C-alpha atoms as a PDB file:
ATOM      1  CA  MET A   1      70.056 187.331 -60.396  1.00  0.00           C
ATOM      2  CA  GLU A   2      72.754 186.526 -62.516  1.00  0.00           C
ATOM      3  CA  SER A   3      73.153 187.560 -65.989  1.00  0.00           C
ATOM      4  CA  SER A   4      75.168 184.526 -67.061  1.00  0.00           C
ATOM      5  CA  GLN A   5      73.795 181.068 -67.441  1.00  0.00           C
ATOM      6  CA  LEU A   6      77.327 179.556 -67.620  1.00  0.00           C
ATOM      7  CA  PRO A   7      77.593 178.475 -63.987  1.00  0.00           C
ATOM      8  CA  GLN A   8      74.083 176.699 -64.458  1.00  0.00           C
ATOM      9  CA  TYR A   9      75.983 174.439 -67.060  1.00  0.00           C
ATOM     10  CA  LEU A  10      79.166 173.785 -65.315  1.00  0.00           C
ATOM     11  CA  ALA A  11      78.203 170.414 -63.802  1.00  0.00           C
ATOM     12  CA  VAL A  12      77.090 169.291 -67.198  1.00  0.00           C
ATOM     13  CA  LEU A  13      80.545 170.571 -68.750  1.00  0.00           C
ATOM     14  CA  MET A  14      82.443 168.636 -66.018  1.00  0.00           C
ATOM     15  CA  LEU A  15      80.265 165.190 -66.903  1.00  0.00           C
ATOM     16  CA  PHE A  16      81.288 165.507 -70.398  1.00  0.00           C
ATOM     17  CA  VAL A  17      84.525 166.048 -69.652  1.00  0.00           C
ATOM     18  CA  LEU A  18      84.839 163.234 -67.339  1.00  0.00           C
ATOM     19  CA  ALA A  19      83.102 160.741 -69.764  1.00  0.00           C
ATOM     20  CA  VAL A  20      85.424 161.802 -72.579  1.00  0.00           C
ATOM     21  CA  ALA A  21      88.463 161.116 -70.136  1.00  0.00           C
ATOM     22  CA  ALA A  22      87.031 158.075 -68.944  1.00  0.00           C
ATOM     23  CA  THR A  23      86.558 156.623 -72.487  1.00  0.00           C
ATOM     24  CA  GLY A  24      89.854 157.884 -73.820  1.00  0.00           C
ATOM     25  CA  GLY A  25      91.514 156.343 -70.641  1.00  0.00           C
ATOM     26  CA  MET A  26      90.176 153.024 -71.071  1.00  0.00           C
ATOM     27  CA  ILE A  27      90.949 152.853 -74.642  1.00  0.00           C
ATOM     28  CA  GLY A  28      94.299 154.123 -74.147  1.00  0.00           C
ATOM     29  CA  LEU A  29      95.079 151.605 -71.386  1.00  0.00           C
ATOM     30  CA  SER A  30      93.913 148.689 -73.347  1.00  0.00           C
ATOM     31  CA  MET A  31      96.035 149.521 -75.790  1.00  0.00           C
ATOM     32  CA  LEU A  32      99.131 149.960 -73.669  1.00  0.00           C
ATOM     33  CA  LEU A  33      98.298 147.097 -71.701  1.00  0.00           C
ATOM     34  CA  GLY A  34      96.695 144.797 -74.012  1.00  0.00           C
ATOM     35  CA  LYS A  35      98.237 141.813 -75.774  1.00  0.00           C
ATOM     36  CA  ARG A  36      98.396 142.509 -79.562  1.00  0.00           C
ATOM     37  CA  GLY A  37      99.359 139.980 -82.060  1.00  0.00           C
ATOM     38  CA  ARG A  38      98.401 136.766 -80.328  1.00  0.00           C
ATOM     39  CA  THR A  39      95.523 136.079 -82.477  1.00  0.00           C
ATOM     40  CA  SER A  40      95.269 133.077 -84.588  1.00  0.00           C
ATOM     41  CA  LYS A  41      92.285 132.111 -87.351  1.00  0.00           C
ATOM     42  CA  ILE A  42      90.719 129.841 -84.926  1.00  0.00           C
ATOM     43  CA  LYS A  43      90.360 132.624 -82.430  1.00  0.00           C
ATOM     44  CA  ASP A  44      89.097 135.041 -84.680  1.00  0.00           C
ATOM     45  CA  THR A  45      86.368 132.848 -85.819  1.00  0.00           C
ATOM     46  CA  ALA A  46      82.646 133.258 -84.500  1.00  0.00           C
ATOM     47  CA  TYR A  47      81.790 131.119 -81.642  1.00  0.00           C
ATOM     48  CA  GLU A  48      78.748 129.524 -82.720  1.00  0.00           C
ATOM     49  CA  CYS A  49      77.449 127.278 -79.230  1.00  0.00           C
ATOM     50  CA  GLY A  50      80.311 125.266 -79.786  1.00  0.00           C
ATOM     51  CA  MET A  51      79.828 124.573 -83.538  1.00  0.00           C
ATOM     52  CA  LEU A  52      81.885 125.961 -86.235  1.00  0.00           C
ATOM     53  CA  PRO A  53      79.871 128.503 -88.407  1.00  0.00           C
ATOM     54  CA  ILE A  54      78.753 127.387 -91.860  1.00  0.00           C
ATOM     55  CA  GLY A  55      77.296 129.583 -94.490  1.00  0.00           C
ATOM     56  CA  GLU A  56      76.376 133.062 -94.428  1.00  0.00           C
ATOM     57  CA  GLY A  57      75.783 134.924 -91.070  1.00  0.00           C
ATOM     58  CA  SER A  58      72.674 136.293 -91.799  1.00  0.00           C
ATOM     59  CA  PRO A  59      70.314 134.563 -94.500  1.00  0.00           C
ATOM     60  CA  ARG A  60      67.913 136.978 -96.857  1.00  0.00           C
ATOM     61  CA  MET A  61      64.528 137.425 -95.554  1.00  0.00           C
ATOM     62  CA  SER A  62      61.819 137.427 -97.708  1.00  0.00           C
ATOM     63  CA  VAL A  63      59.863 140.735 -98.520  1.00  0.00           C
ATOM     64  CA  LYS A  64      56.814 139.450 -97.421  1.00  0.00           C
ATOM     65  CA  PHE A  65      58.131 139.060 -93.837  1.00  0.00           C
ATOM     66  CA  TYR A  66      59.066 142.759 -93.828  1.00  0.00           C
ATOM     67  CA  LEU A  67      55.483 143.755 -95.243  1.00  0.00           C
ATOM     68  CA  VAL A  68      53.776 141.510 -92.639  1.00  0.00           C
ATOM     69  CA  ALA A  69      55.897 143.293 -90.232  1.00  0.00           C
ATOM     70  CA  MET A  70      54.812 146.801 -91.646  1.00  0.00           C
ATOM     71  CA  LEU A  71      51.163 145.827 -91.439  1.00  0.00           C
ATOM     72  CA  PHE A  72      51.679 144.712 -87.657  1.00  0.00           C
ATOM     73  CA  ILE A  73      53.292 148.191 -86.910  1.00  0.00           C
ATOM     74  CA  LEU A  74      50.293 149.910 -88.750  1.00  0.00           C
ATOM     75  CA  PHE A  75      47.646 147.979 -86.877  1.00  0.00           C
ATOM     76  CA  ASP A  76      49.667 148.175 -83.481  1.00  0.00           C
ATOM     77  CA  ILE A  77      49.796 152.107 -83.821  1.00  0.00           C
ATOM     78  CA  GLU A  78      45.850 151.810 -83.997  1.00  0.00           C
ATOM     79  CA  VAL A  79      45.999 150.771 -80.336  1.00  0.00           C
ATOM     80  CA  VAL A  80      48.439 153.716 -79.250  1.00  0.00           C
ATOM     81  CA  PHE A  81      46.064 156.288 -80.599  1.00  0.00           C
ATOM     82  CA  MET A  82      42.662 154.531 -79.096  1.00  0.00           C
ATOM     83  CA  TYR A  83      44.127 154.335 -75.582  1.00  0.00           C
ATOM     84  CA  PRO A  84      44.219 158.148 -74.929  1.00  0.00           C
ATOM     85  CA  TRP A  85      40.944 158.401 -76.634  1.00  0.00           C
ATOM     86  CA  ALA A  86      39.387 155.886 -74.517  1.00  0.00           C
ATOM     87  CA  VAL A  87      40.888 157.439 -71.362  1.00  0.00           C
ATOM     88  CA  ILE A  88      39.139 161.094 -72.136  1.00  0.00           C
ATOM     89  CA  TYR A  89      35.882 159.517 -73.641  1.00  0.00           C
ATOM     90  CA  LYS A  90      33.811 159.439 -70.423  1.00  0.00           C
ATOM     91  CA  SER A  91      34.810 163.025 -69.465  1.00  0.00           C
ATOM     92  CA  MET A  92      34.430 164.305 -73.067  1.00  0.00           C
ATOM     93  CA  LEU A  93      30.681 163.184 -72.889  1.00  0.00           C
ATOM     94  CA  GLN A  94      29.892 165.628 -70.207  1.00  0.00           C
ATOM     95  CA  ASP A  95      30.296 168.674 -73.136  1.00  0.00           C
ATOM     96  CA  PRO A  96      27.531 168.420 -75.494  1.00  0.00           C
ATOM     97  CA  ALA A  97      29.568 170.608 -77.810  1.00  0.00           C
ATOM     98  CA  THR A  98      32.137 167.803 -78.123  1.00  0.00           C
ATOM     99  CA  ARG A  99      30.218 164.581 -77.705  1.00  0.00           C
ATOM    100  CA  ASN A 100      29.187 163.906 -81.477  1.00  0.00           C
ATOM    101  CA  MET A 101      32.826 164.983 -82.704  1.00  0.00           C
ATOM    102  CA  ILE A 102      35.106 162.694 -80.284  1.00  0.00           C
ATOM    103  CA  LEU A 103      32.748 159.530 -81.322  1.00  0.00           C
ATOM    104  CA  GLY A 104      32.620 160.404 -85.066  1.00  0.00           C
ATOM    105  CA  SER A 105      36.424 161.182 -85.028  1.00  0.00           C
ATOM    106  CA  MET A 106      37.394 157.573 -83.752  1.00  0.00           C
ATOM    107  CA  ILE A 107      34.747 155.911 -85.927  1.00  0.00           C
ATOM    108  CA  SER A 108      36.390 157.487 -88.954  1.00  0.00           C
ATOM    109  CA  PHE A 109      39.709 156.600 -88.018  1.00  0.00           C
ATOM    110  CA  LEU A 110      38.679 153.084 -87.473  1.00  0.00           C
ATOM    111  CA  GLY A 111      36.727 153.203 -90.552  1.00  0.00           C
ATOM    112  CA  ILE A 112      40.023 154.032 -92.693  1.00  0.00           C
ATOM    113  CA  LEU A 113      42.021 151.444 -90.909  1.00  0.00           C
ATOM    114  CA  PHE A 114      39.386 148.764 -91.652  1.00  0.00           C
ATOM    115  CA  VAL A 115      39.662 149.621 -95.222  1.00  0.00           C
ATOM    116  CA  GLY A 116      43.205 149.421 -95.038  1.00  0.00           C
ATOM    117  CA  TYR A 117      42.544 145.774 -93.578  1.00  0.00           C
ATOM    118  CA  ILE A 118      40.276 144.756 -96.141  1.00  0.00           C
ATOM    119  CA  TYR A 119      42.729 145.836 -98.803  1.00  0.00           C
ATOM    120  CA  ALA A 120      45.514 143.856 -97.055  1.00  0.00           C
ATOM    121  CA  VAL A 121      43.273 140.858 -96.940  1.00  0.00           C
ATOM    122  CA  LYS A 122      42.079 141.131-100.634  1.00  0.00           C
ATOM    123  CA  LYS A 123      45.729 141.469-101.728  1.00  0.00           C
ATOM    124  CA  ARG A 124      46.981 138.506 -99.587  1.00  0.00           C
ATOM    125  CA  ALA A 125      49.408 140.366 -97.353  1.00  0.00           C
ATOM    126  CA  PHE A 126      48.642 138.055 -94.576  1.00  0.00           C
ATOM    127  CA  ASP A 127      49.669 134.730 -96.287  1.00  0.00           C
ATOM    128  CA  TRP A 128      52.836 133.585 -94.878  1.00  0.00           C
ATOM    129  CA  LYS A 129      52.974 130.750 -97.495  1.00  0.00           C
ATOM    130  CA  SER A 130      52.854 132.647-100.720  1.00  0.00           C
END
């Protein structure tokens, strides 16, 4: 058995050196062979489907949009936590010690999310128009 682990990482080191050399080579060749100074104002403008761009590039979004997006993520995470629970639920029912615990934990989890949902409805967080 070898005492040094360096030979095991030799392939990773070679791949890293190759990646740095390829990147540096491409940038260097593009600087040497590329045509510099042949740009104009019209060539530097953004191409917007054949139309001249008018106005700001990114309009300001309402804070309401981000609140609704965060609420969507919150309730989407609920499904992420429910899927593994549903997969092991049948096998967990076989053990009498964990039968009530697994159902109670999911009911409490859903109860907390339901309270959050009611709070969001009361605060009118889902109204797009306001």
